[in-house]
Amino acid sequence: MRVIKALAALCFVVIGVLFGALNRDHVHVDVGVASFDVRLGFLILVVALIAACLGGLAVWPMRRKLRAGGTRSSGPVTGEMPALREPPR
């Protein structure tokens, strides 16, 4: 499984490098306190990296709780119902 993940990561790196090389136009970015010129491909890759990190930080507490054996607060409905027993007489 690690080999498959490594190959997938390598493919995404190659795609990112090609994407950055093909989008060489310069764009002007103004972030309020500063402004700068940067290549479009580099800007999109940086924004995607920041978004991936923020997404990872958002789900990190949930993954840690699941690995620790905690209960899931939400998830798919399985349709399982507890067995109903008749009360003893």
N, C-alpha and C. Protein backbone atom coordinates (compact mmCIF):
# COMPACT_ATOMS: atom_id res chain seq x y z
N MET A 1 0.82 -1.19 0.00
CA MET A 1 0.00 0.00 0.00
C MET A 1 0.87 1.26 0.00
N ARG A 2 1.99 1.22 0.69
CA ARG A 2 2.87 2.39 0.71
C ARG A 2 3.42 2.70 -0.67
N VAL A 3 3.69 1.66 -1.45
CA VAL A 3 4.23 1.87 -2.79
C VAL A 3 3.19 2.58 -3.66
N ILE A 4 1.94 2.18 -3.53
CA ILE A 4 0.87 2.82 -4.31
C ILE A 4 0.72 4.27 -3.90
N LYS A 5 0.78 4.55 -2.61
CA LYS A 5 0.67 5.93 -2.15
C LYS A 5 1.86 6.76 -2.63
N ALA A 6 3.05 6.18 -2.61
CA ALA A 6 4.23 6.90 -3.07
C ALA A 6 4.15 7.19 -4.56
N LEU A 7 3.66 6.23 -5.35
CA LEU A 7 3.51 6.45 -6.79
C LEU A 7 2.46 7.51 -7.07
N ALA A 8 1.36 7.49 -6.32
CA ALA A 8 0.33 8.51 -6.49
C ALA A 8 0.88 9.89 -6.15
N ALA A 9 1.63 10.00 -5.07
CA ALA A 9 2.23 11.28 -4.68
C ALA A 9 3.20 11.76 -5.74
N LEU A 10 4.00 10.85 -6.28
CA LEU A 10 4.95 11.21 -7.34
C LEU A 10 4.22 11.70 -8.58
N CYS A 11 3.11 11.06 -8.93
CA CYS A 11 2.32 11.51 -10.08
C CYS A 11 1.79 12.92 -9.86
N PHE A 12 1.31 13.21 -8.64
CA PHE A 12 0.80 14.55 -8.36
C PHE A 12 1.92 15.59 -8.38
N VAL A 13 3.11 15.22 -7.95
CA VAL A 13 4.23 16.15 -8.01
C VAL A 13 4.58 16.46 -9.46
N VAL A 14 4.63 15.44 -10.29
CA VAL A 14 4.95 15.64 -11.71
C VAL A 14 3.88 16.51 -12.37
N ILE A 15 2.61 16.24 -12.08
CA ILE A 15 1.52 17.05 -12.63
C ILE A 15 1.65 18.49 -12.15
N GLY A 16 1.99 18.69 -10.88
CA GLY A 16 2.17 20.04 -10.36
C GLY A 16 3.31 20.79 -11.01
N VAL A 17 4.42 20.09 -11.24
CA VAL A 17 5.56 20.73 -11.91
C VAL A 17 5.19 21.11 -13.34
N LEU A 18 4.52 20.20 -14.05
CA LEU A 18 4.09 20.51 -15.41
C LEU A 18 3.10 21.66 -15.42
N PHE A 19 2.17 21.68 -14.48
CA PHE A 19 1.20 22.75 -14.39
C PHE A 19 1.88 24.09 -14.15
N GLY A 20 2.85 24.10 -13.26
CA GLY A 20 3.58 25.33 -12.99
C GLY A 20 4.40 25.80 -14.18
N ALA A 21 4.97 24.84 -14.92
CA ALA A 21 5.77 25.20 -16.08
C ALA A 21 4.92 25.73 -17.23
N LEU A 22 3.70 25.24 -17.36
CA LEU A 22 2.85 25.67 -18.46
C LEU A 22 2.13 26.99 -18.19
N ASN A 23 2.02 27.40 -16.93
CA ASN A 23 1.35 28.65 -16.56
C ASN A 23 2.41 29.65 -16.08
N ARG A 24 3.13 30.21 -17.03
CA ARG A 24 4.25 31.09 -16.69
C ARG A 24 3.90 32.56 -16.69
N ASP A 25 2.66 32.90 -16.94
CA ASP A 25 2.26 34.31 -16.94
C ASP A 25 2.37 34.89 -15.54
N HIS A 26 2.77 36.15 -15.48
CA HIS A 26 2.86 36.83 -14.18
C HIS A 26 1.53 37.50 -13.87
N VAL A 27 1.12 37.41 -12.61
CA VAL A 27 -0.10 38.07 -12.15
C VAL A 27 0.24 38.96 -10.96
N HIS A 28 -0.54 40.00 -10.79
CA HIS A 28 -0.36 40.91 -9.66
C HIS A 28 -1.32 40.51 -8.56
N VAL A 29 -0.79 40.27 -7.36
CA VAL A 29 -1.59 39.83 -6.23
C VAL A 29 -1.53 40.92 -5.16
N ASP A 30 -2.72 41.33 -4.69
CA ASP A 30 -2.81 42.33 -3.63
C ASP A 30 -3.55 41.69 -2.46
N VAL A 31 -2.85 41.53 -1.33
CA VAL A 31 -3.44 40.88 -0.16
C VAL A 31 -3.78 41.87 0.95
N GLY A 32 -3.89 43.12 0.62
CA GLY A 32 -4.27 44.13 1.60
C GLY A 32 -3.07 44.84 2.20
N VAL A 33 -2.21 44.10 2.88
CA VAL A 33 -1.04 44.72 3.51
C VAL A 33 0.18 44.71 2.60
N ALA A 34 0.14 43.92 1.56
CA ALA A 34 1.25 43.84 0.62
C ALA A 34 0.72 43.46 -0.76
N SER A 35 1.51 43.76 -1.76
CA SER A 35 1.18 43.35 -3.11
C SER A 35 2.46 42.91 -3.80
N PHE A 36 2.33 41.94 -4.69
CA PHE A 36 3.51 41.41 -5.36
C PHE A 36 3.11 40.77 -6.68
N ASP A 37 4.11 40.57 -7.53
CA ASP A 37 3.91 39.87 -8.80
C ASP A 37 4.47 38.46 -8.66
N VAL A 38 3.73 37.50 -9.15
CA VAL A 38 4.13 36.11 -9.03
C VAL A 38 3.61 35.36 -10.26
N ARG A 39 4.24 34.24 -10.56
CA ARG A 39 3.77 33.43 -11.68
C ARG A 39 2.45 32.75 -11.31
N LEU A 40 1.56 32.63 -12.27
CA LEU A 40 0.23 32.07 -12.05
C LEU A 40 0.28 30.62 -11.57
N GLY A 41 1.09 29.79 -12.20
CA GLY A 41 1.18 28.39 -11.80
C GLY A 41 1.67 28.23 -10.38
N PHE A 42 2.68 29.02 -9.99
CA PHE A 42 3.20 28.96 -8.64
C PHE A 42 2.14 29.41 -7.63
N LEU A 43 1.40 30.45 -7.97
CA LEU A 43 0.37 30.96 -7.08
C LEU A 43 -0.72 29.91 -6.84
N ILE A 44 -1.16 29.26 -7.92
CA ILE A 44 -2.22 28.25 -7.77
C ILE A 44 -1.72 27.06 -6.95
N LEU A 45 -0.48 26.65 -7.16
CA LEU A 45 0.07 25.52 -6.39
C LEU A 45 0.20 25.88 -4.91
N VAL A 46 0.61 27.10 -4.60
CA VAL A 46 0.74 27.53 -3.20
C VAL A 46 -0.63 27.58 -2.53
N VAL A 47 -1.62 28.11 -3.24
CA VAL A 47 -2.97 28.19 -2.68
C VAL A 47 -3.52 26.78 -2.46
N ALA A 48 -3.27 25.85 -3.38
CA ALA A 48 -3.73 24.47 -3.21
C ALA A 48 -3.04 23.81 -2.02
N LEU A 49 -1.75 24.08 -1.83
CA LEU A 49 -1.02 23.52 -0.69
C LEU A 49 -1.56 24.07 0.63
N ILE A 50 -1.84 25.36 0.67
CA ILE A 50 -2.40 25.96 1.88
C ILE A 50 -3.78 25.36 2.18
N ALA A 51 -4.59 25.18 1.14
CA ALA A 51 -5.92 24.59 1.33
C ALA A 51 -5.82 23.16 1.83
N ALA A 52 -4.87 22.38 1.31
CA ALA A 52 -4.70 21.00 1.76
C ALA A 52 -4.27 20.97 3.23
N CYS A 53 -3.39 21.87 3.62
CA CYS A 53 -2.95 21.92 5.02
C CYS A 53 -4.09 22.31 5.94
N LEU A 54 -4.88 23.30 5.54
CA LEU A 54 -6.02 23.70 6.38
C LEU A 54 -7.05 22.58 6.47
N GLY A 55 -7.27 21.86 5.38
CA GLY A 55 -8.19 20.72 5.42
C GLY A 55 -7.68 19.62 6.34
N GLY A 56 -6.38 19.37 6.30
CA GLY A 56 -5.79 18.37 7.19
C GLY A 56 -5.89 18.78 8.64
N LEU A 57 -5.70 20.06 8.92
CA LEU A 57 -5.84 20.53 10.29
C LEU A 57 -7.28 20.43 10.76
N ALA A 58 -8.23 20.59 9.85
CA ALA A 58 -9.64 20.54 10.23
C ALA A 58 -10.06 19.13 10.61
N VAL A 59 -9.53 18.10 9.96
CA VAL A 59 -9.94 16.72 10.24
C VAL A 59 -9.00 16.02 11.21
N TRP A 60 -7.90 16.65 11.57
CA TRP A 60 -6.91 16.00 12.45
C TRP A 60 -7.49 15.58 13.79
N PRO A 61 -8.27 16.42 14.49
CA PRO A 61 -8.83 15.96 15.78
C PRO A 61 -9.76 14.76 15.63
N MET A 62 -10.51 14.72 14.53
CA MET A 62 -11.42 13.59 14.32
C MET A 62 -10.65 12.30 14.06
N ARG A 63 -9.59 12.38 13.27
CA ARG A 63 -8.78 11.19 12.99
C ARG A 63 -8.09 10.70 14.26
N ARG A 64 -7.62 11.63 15.07
CA ARG A 64 -6.96 11.25 16.32
C ARG A 64 -7.94 10.55 17.25
N LYS A 65 -9.17 11.04 17.31
CA LYS A 65 -10.19 10.44 18.16
C LYS A 65 -10.54 9.04 17.67
N LEU A 66 -10.65 8.86 16.35
CA LEU A 66 -10.96 7.54 15.81
C LEU A 66 -9.84 6.55 16.07
N ARG A 67 -8.59 7.00 15.94
CA ARG A 67 -7.47 6.10 16.18
C ARG A 67 -7.36 5.71 17.65
N ALA A 68 -7.83 6.59 18.53
CA ALA A 68 -7.77 6.29 19.95
C ALA A 68 -8.90 5.38 20.39
N GLY A 69 -9.80 5.04 19.49
CA GLY A 69 -10.89 4.13 19.83
C GLY A 69 -12.13 4.83 20.31
N GLY A 70 -12.24 6.11 20.04
CA GLY A 70 -13.43 6.84 20.45
C GLY A 70 -14.62 6.49 19.58
N THR A 71 -15.76 6.92 20.03
CA THR A 71 -16.97 6.64 19.26
C THR A 71 -17.14 7.70 18.20
N ARG A 72 -17.75 7.30 17.11
CA ARG A 72 -18.01 8.25 16.05
C ARG A 72 -19.29 9.01 16.36
N SER A 73 -19.23 10.32 16.20
CA SER A 73 -20.40 11.12 16.48
C SER A 73 -21.36 11.15 15.31
N SER A 74 -20.86 10.90 14.12
CA SER A 74 -21.73 10.86 12.95
C SER A 74 -21.12 9.91 11.94
N GLY A 75 -21.90 9.51 10.99
CA GLY A 75 -21.42 8.60 9.97
C GLY A 75 -22.58 8.04 9.19
N PRO A 76 -22.29 7.11 8.33
CA PRO A 76 -23.37 6.56 7.52
C PRO A 76 -24.35 5.74 8.35
N VAL A 77 -25.58 5.78 7.95
CA VAL A 77 -26.62 5.01 8.63
C VAL A 77 -26.53 3.59 8.12
N THR A 78 -26.42 2.63 9.03
CA THR A 78 -26.26 1.24 8.62
C THR A 78 -27.57 0.50 8.53
N GLY A 79 -28.59 1.00 9.14
CA GLY A 79 -29.88 0.34 9.09
C GLY A 79 -30.01 -0.81 10.06
N GLU A 80 -29.01 -0.99 10.91
CA GLU A 80 -29.07 -2.07 11.89
C GLU A 80 -29.94 -1.65 13.05
N MET A 81 -30.78 -2.55 13.49
CA MET A 81 -31.66 -2.28 14.62
C MET A 81 -31.34 -3.29 15.71
N PRO A 82 -31.37 -2.89 16.97
CA PRO A 82 -31.14 -3.86 18.03
C PRO A 82 -32.26 -4.89 18.07
N ALA A 83 -31.90 -6.08 18.45
CA ALA A 83 -32.90 -7.15 18.51
C ALA A 83 -33.89 -6.84 19.62
N LEU A 84 -35.17 -6.98 19.31
CA LEU A 84 -36.21 -6.74 20.29
C LEU A 84 -36.53 -8.07 20.99
N ARG A 85 -36.54 -8.01 22.29
CA ARG A 85 -36.85 -9.22 23.08
C ARG A 85 -38.15 -8.99 23.83
N GLU A 86 -38.84 -10.09 24.02
CA GLU A 86 -40.03 -9.99 24.85
C GLU A 86 -39.61 -9.96 26.30
N PRO A 87 -40.31 -9.19 27.11
CA PRO A 87 -39.95 -9.12 28.53
C PRO A 87 -40.20 -10.49 29.19
N PRO A 88 -39.40 -10.85 30.19
CA PRO A 88 -39.60 -12.12 30.86
C PRO A 88 -40.91 -12.13 31.63
N ARG A 89 -41.56 -13.33 31.75
CA ARG A 89 -42.85 -13.45 32.44
C ARG A 89 -42.69 -13.99 33.81
